[in-house]
């Protein structure tokens, strides 16, 4: 139900923009955002926004990443600037949605590789 795009290879200091759109029987969205997958499998919040609320950022990305969520269009984008090699990872779109029931869904992930 979440389709991501925009990953790729970039040099350190470069920029990438990730996009995600919710499709299918999604009536509304309560929260949308992006997570990063750590080597051990843990998912770490990068940025997210609750509908009608403020945008939250992980401490390491403040001032460099910008989240843009459109709850009406059911899309969320992540502009990543000044990327660092240690931020290479699979980035996952995440949404708390209302369909026939309320459920948290994840995208398949998009790979971001930052070369030094």
C-alpha atoms as a PDB file:
ATOM      1  CA  UNK A   1       0.000   0.000   0.000  1.00  0.00           C
ATOM      2  CA  UNK A   2       3.037   2.287   0.234  1.00  0.00           C
ATOM      3  CA  UNK A   3       5.092   2.797  -2.913  1.00  0.00           C
ATOM      4  CA  UNK A   4       8.493   4.427  -2.537  1.00  0.00           C
ATOM      5  CA  UNK A   5      10.879   5.951  -5.028  1.00  0.00           C
ATOM      6  CA  UNK A   6      13.956   8.122  -5.157  1.00  0.00           C
ATOM      7  CA  UNK A   7      16.771   6.116  -3.625  1.00  0.00           C
ATOM      8  CA  UNK A   8      20.124   5.752  -5.281  1.00  0.00           C
ATOM      9  CA  UNK A   9      23.836   6.447  -5.114  1.00  0.00           C
ATOM     10  CA  UNK A  10      25.183   9.845  -4.153  1.00  0.00           C
ATOM     11  CA  UNK A  11      28.511  11.224  -3.014  1.00  0.00           C
ATOM     12  CA  UNK A  12      28.989  12.481   0.517  1.00  0.00           C
ATOM     13  CA  UNK A  13      27.603  15.990   0.780  1.00  0.00           C
ATOM     14  CA  UNK A  14      25.099  15.355  -1.970  1.00  0.00           C
ATOM     15  CA  UNK A  15      21.312  15.290  -1.928  1.00  0.00           C
ATOM     16  CA  UNK A  16      18.509  12.868  -2.632  1.00  0.00           C
ATOM     17  CA  UNK A  17      14.738  13.126  -2.473  1.00  0.00           C
ATOM     18  CA  UNK A  18      12.618  10.166  -1.447  1.00  0.00           C
ATOM     19  CA  UNK A  19       8.936   9.963  -2.268  1.00  0.00           C
ATOM     20  CA  UNK A  20       6.152   7.731  -1.023  1.00  0.00           C
ATOM     21  CA  UNK A  21       2.502   7.442  -1.980  1.00  0.00           C
ATOM     22  CA  UNK A  22      -0.219   5.464  -0.248  1.00  0.00           C
ATOM     23  CA  UNK A  23      -2.432   3.501  -2.589  1.00  0.00           C
ATOM     24  CA  UNK A  24      -5.342   1.117  -2.289  1.00  0.00           C
ATOM     25  CA  UNK A  25      -8.207   1.383   0.135  1.00  0.00           C
ATOM     26  CA  UNK A  26      -6.729   4.074   2.360  1.00  0.00           C
ATOM     27  CA  UNK A  27      -9.448   6.407   3.585  1.00  0.00           C
ATOM     28  CA  UNK A  28      -7.222   8.695   5.627  1.00  0.00           C
ATOM     29  CA  UNK A  29      -3.816   8.824   7.239  1.00  0.00           C
ATOM     30  CA  UNK A  30      -3.027   9.565  10.854  1.00  0.00           C
ATOM     31  CA  UNK A  31       0.758   9.719  10.628  1.00  0.00           C
ATOM     32  CA  UNK A  32       3.369   9.459   7.869  1.00  0.00           C
ATOM     33  CA  UNK A  33       7.111   9.393   7.855  1.00  0.00           C
ATOM     34  CA  UNK A  34      10.407   7.734   7.046  1.00  0.00           C
ATOM     35  CA  UNK A  35      12.544   5.267   8.968  1.00  0.00           C
ATOM     36  CA  UNK A  36      16.031   3.924   8.402  1.00  0.00           C
ATOM     37  CA  UNK A  37      16.885   0.252   8.724  1.00  0.00           C
ATOM     38  CA  UNK A  38      19.921  -0.498  10.899  1.00  0.00           C
ATOM     39  CA  UNK A  39      22.176  -3.560  10.284  1.00  0.00           C
ATOM     40  CA  UNK A  40      20.633  -5.450  13.186  1.00  0.00           C
ATOM     41  CA  UNK A  41      17.121  -4.952  11.829  1.00  0.00           C
ATOM     42  CA  UNK A  42      16.069  -2.097  14.077  1.00  0.00           C
ATOM     43  CA  UNK A  43      14.080   0.672  12.445  1.00  0.00           C
ATOM     44  CA  UNK A  44      15.032   4.178  13.480  1.00  0.00           C
ATOM     45  CA  UNK A  45      12.780   7.164  12.920  1.00  0.00           C
ATOM     46  CA  UNK A  46      14.245   9.713  10.530  1.00  0.00           C
ATOM     47  CA  UNK A  47      11.282  12.077  10.260  1.00  0.00           C
ATOM     48  CA  UNK A  48       7.539  11.850  10.719  1.00  0.00           C
ATOM     49  CA  UNK A  49       4.436  13.945  11.127  1.00  0.00           C
ATOM     50  CA  UNK A  50       1.131  13.322  12.836  1.00  0.00           C
ATOM     51  CA  UNK A  51      -1.822  14.737  10.937  1.00  0.00           C
ATOM     52  CA  UNK A  52      -2.302  18.277  12.146  1.00  0.00           C
ATOM     53  CA  UNK A  53       0.859  18.160  14.228  1.00  0.00           C
ATOM     54  CA  UNK A  54       4.459  19.239  14.062  1.00  0.00           C
ATOM     55  CA  UNK A  55       7.157  17.435  12.129  1.00  0.00           C
ATOM     56  CA  UNK A  56       9.547  15.376  14.232  1.00  0.00           C
ATOM     57  CA  UNK A  57      13.131  14.722  13.138  1.00  0.00           C
ATOM     58  CA  UNK A  58      15.797  12.399  14.395  1.00  0.00           C
ATOM     59  CA  UNK A  59      18.538  14.379  16.108  1.00  0.00           C
ATOM     60  CA  UNK A  60      21.193  13.480  13.564  1.00  0.00           C
ATOM     61  CA  UNK A  61      19.237  14.842  10.578  1.00  0.00           C
ATOM     62  CA  UNK A  62      17.896  18.118  11.958  1.00  0.00           C
ATOM     63  CA  UNK A  63      18.775  20.999   9.691  1.00  0.00           C
ATOM     64  CA  UNK A  64      19.676  18.731   6.765  1.00  0.00           C
ATOM     65  CA  UNK A  65      16.541  16.704   6.052  1.00  0.00           C
ATOM     66  CA  UNK A  66      13.089  18.099   5.317  1.00  0.00           C
ATOM     67  CA  UNK A  67       9.842  16.134   5.472  1.00  0.00           C
ATOM     68  CA  UNK A  68       6.888  17.161   3.343  1.00  0.00           C
ATOM     69  CA  UNK A  69       3.654  15.315   4.040  1.00  0.00           C
ATOM     70  CA  UNK A  70       0.407  15.899   2.176  1.00  0.00           C
ATOM     71  CA  UNK A  71      -2.278  14.044   4.082  1.00  0.00           C
ATOM     72  CA  UNK A  72      -4.919  14.913   1.501  1.00  0.00           C
ATOM     73  CA  UNK A  73      -2.919  13.485  -1.385  1.00  0.00           C
ATOM     74  CA  UNK A  74      -1.544  10.688   0.836  1.00  0.00           C
ATOM     75  CA  UNK A  75       2.046  11.400  -0.079  1.00  0.00           C
ATOM     76  CA  UNK A  76       5.190  12.043   1.901  1.00  0.00           C
ATOM     77  CA  UNK A  77       8.595  13.131   0.675  1.00  0.00           C
ATOM     78  CA  UNK A  78      11.961  13.371   2.361  1.00  0.00           C
ATOM     79  CA  UNK A  79      14.525  15.836   1.036  1.00  0.00           C
ATOM     80  CA  UNK A  80      17.953  14.779   2.251  1.00  0.00           C
ATOM     81  CA  UNK A  81      20.818  17.251   1.968  1.00  0.00           C
ATOM     82  CA  UNK A  82      24.468  17.017   2.928  1.00  0.00           C
ATOM     83  CA  UNK A  83      24.281  13.249   3.148  1.00  0.00           C
ATOM     84  CA  UNK A  84      26.898  11.314   5.088  1.00  0.00           C
ATOM     85  CA  UNK A  85      28.324   7.851   4.305  1.00  0.00           C
ATOM     86  CA  UNK A  86      27.022   6.477   7.606  1.00  0.00           C
ATOM     87  CA  UNK A  87      23.498   7.307   6.440  1.00  0.00           C
ATOM     88  CA  UNK A  88      23.678   4.655   3.759  1.00  0.00           C
ATOM     89  CA  UNK A  89      20.771   2.333   4.432  1.00  0.00           C
ATOM     90  CA  UNK A  90      17.400   1.115   3.326  1.00  0.00           C
ATOM     91  CA  UNK A  91      14.844   3.832   3.970  1.00  0.00           C
ATOM     92  CA  UNK A  92      11.304   2.753   4.716  1.00  0.00           C
ATOM     93  CA  UNK A  93       8.125   4.740   4.311  1.00  0.00           C
ATOM     94  CA  UNK A  94       5.738   4.310   7.214  1.00  0.00           C
ATOM     95  CA  UNK A  95       2.118   5.298   7.670  1.00  0.00           C
ATOM     96  CA  UNK A  96      -0.625   4.863  10.239  1.00  0.00           C
ATOM     97  CA  UNK A  97      -3.696   4.558   8.022  1.00  0.00           C
ATOM     98  CA  UNK A  98      -7.438   4.112   8.264  1.00  0.00           C
ATOM     99  CA  UNK A  99      -8.953   1.644   5.812  1.00  0.00           C
ATOM    100  CA  UNK A 100     -11.479  -0.962   6.903  1.00  0.00           C
ATOM    101  CA  UNK A 101      -9.545  -0.782  10.151  1.00  0.00           C
ATOM    102  CA  UNK A 102      -6.647   1.200  11.525  1.00  0.00           C
ATOM    103  CA  UNK A 103      -3.252  -0.290  10.712  1.00  0.00           C
ATOM    104  CA  UNK A 104       0.407   0.672  10.483  1.00  0.00           C
ATOM    105  CA  UNK A 105       1.898  -0.112   7.085  1.00  0.00           C
ATOM    106  CA  UNK A 106       5.421  -0.126   5.712  1.00  0.00           C
ATOM    107  CA  UNK A 107       6.831   0.281   2.247  1.00  0.00           C
ATOM    108  CA  UNK A 108       9.289  -2.204   0.780  1.00  0.00           C
ATOM    109  CA  UNK A 109      12.143   0.227   1.249  1.00  0.00           C
ATOM    110  CA  UNK A 110      14.417   2.159  -1.041  1.00  0.00           C
ATOM    111  CA  UNK A 111      18.203   1.887  -0.903  1.00  0.00           C
ATOM    112  CA  UNK A 112      20.292   4.978  -0.303  1.00  0.00           C
ATOM    113  CA  UNK A 113      24.044   4.650  -0.741  1.00  0.00           C
ATOM    114  CA  UNK A 114      26.346   7.527   0.151  1.00  0.00           C
ATOM    115  CA  UNK A 115      29.910   7.149  -1.065  1.00  0.00           C
ATOM    116  CA  UNK A 116      32.829   8.803   0.685  1.00  0.00           C
END
